[in-house]
């Protein structure tokens, strides 16, 4: 699943692919915001992204459908 994280005062969003389910990512985000801690998310390549919860502007969950390539309307 693709996750986009907007960070305050940053011109670009952070985009990563994760194997985590959307509800697990949402739970981790809510816990980090509630506690004022760090939002931690593992990507699909074994890395981790850590973002201070108070600096997060938004989090967008993408679909699990792979991106299409080409000019077809299928």
Protein backbone atom coordinates (compact mmCIF):
# COMPACT_ATOMS: atom_id res chain seq x y z
CA UNK A 1 0.00 0.00 0.00
CA UNK A 2 1.25 3.47 -0.82
CA UNK A 3 1.37 5.98 2.05
CA UNK A 4 1.96 9.72 1.56
CA UNK A 5 2.95 11.79 4.58
CA UNK A 6 2.81 15.57 4.43
CA UNK A 7 5.23 17.23 6.81
CA UNK A 8 4.79 20.81 8.02
CA UNK A 9 7.22 23.31 6.50
CA UNK A 10 8.44 20.73 3.95
CA UNK A 11 7.77 21.44 0.28
CA UNK A 12 7.45 17.78 -0.69
CA UNK A 13 5.55 14.87 0.76
CA UNK A 14 7.16 11.65 1.91
CA UNK A 15 5.95 8.68 -0.18
CA UNK A 16 6.61 5.04 0.67
CA UNK A 17 5.27 1.57 0.00
CA UNK A 18 4.42 -0.58 3.01
CA UNK A 19 3.13 -4.09 3.58
CA UNK A 20 1.16 -2.95 6.65
CA UNK A 21 -2.64 -2.94 6.54
CA UNK A 22 -4.36 0.45 6.44
CA UNK A 23 -6.00 -0.06 9.84
CA UNK A 24 -2.63 -0.86 11.48
CA UNK A 25 -1.08 2.29 9.99
CA UNK A 26 -4.04 4.34 11.20
CA UNK A 27 -3.77 2.90 14.72
CA UNK A 28 -0.04 3.69 14.87
CA UNK A 29 -0.69 7.23 13.65
CA UNK A 30 -3.45 7.84 16.21
CA UNK A 31 -1.27 6.52 19.03
CA UNK A 32 1.67 8.71 18.00
CA UNK A 33 -0.49 11.83 17.77
CA UNK A 34 -2.22 11.11 21.09
CA UNK A 35 1.07 10.54 22.93
CA UNK A 36 2.91 13.34 21.13
CA UNK A 37 5.59 10.86 20.13
CA UNK A 38 7.06 9.60 16.90
CA UNK A 39 5.11 8.00 14.06
CA UNK A 40 7.08 4.96 12.89
CA UNK A 41 6.29 3.10 9.68
CA UNK A 42 8.18 0.21 8.08
CA UNK A 43 8.52 0.22 4.30
CA UNK A 44 8.34 -2.86 2.08
CA UNK A 45 12.14 -2.96 1.67
CA UNK A 46 12.86 -3.42 5.37
CA UNK A 47 13.57 0.22 6.21
CA UNK A 48 11.80 2.45 8.71
CA UNK A 49 10.53 6.00 8.54
CA UNK A 50 10.24 8.02 11.74
CA UNK A 51 8.34 11.32 11.78
CA UNK A 52 7.63 13.47 14.85
CA UNK A 53 3.85 13.34 15.26
CA UNK A 54 3.55 17.07 15.92
CA UNK A 55 5.10 17.82 12.49
CA UNK A 56 2.66 15.70 10.45
CA UNK A 57 0.30 17.78 8.29
CA UNK A 58 -1.57 14.85 6.72
CA UNK A 59 -1.34 11.14 5.90
CA UNK A 60 -2.87 9.74 2.72
CA UNK A 61 -3.40 6.03 2.10
CA UNK A 62 -3.21 4.84 -1.50
CA UNK A 63 -4.87 1.82 -2.97
CA UNK A 64 -3.34 -1.62 -3.19
CA UNK A 65 -3.85 -1.75 -6.96
CA UNK A 66 -0.55 -1.56 -8.89
CA UNK A 67 0.05 1.50 -11.02
CA UNK A 68 -0.84 1.21 -14.65
CA UNK A 69 1.66 1.85 -17.40
CA UNK A 70 0.72 2.89 -20.91
CA UNK A 71 -2.05 4.73 -22.66
CA UNK A 72 -4.91 2.24 -22.38
CA UNK A 73 -8.22 3.16 -20.72
CA UNK A 74 -8.77 -0.38 -19.39
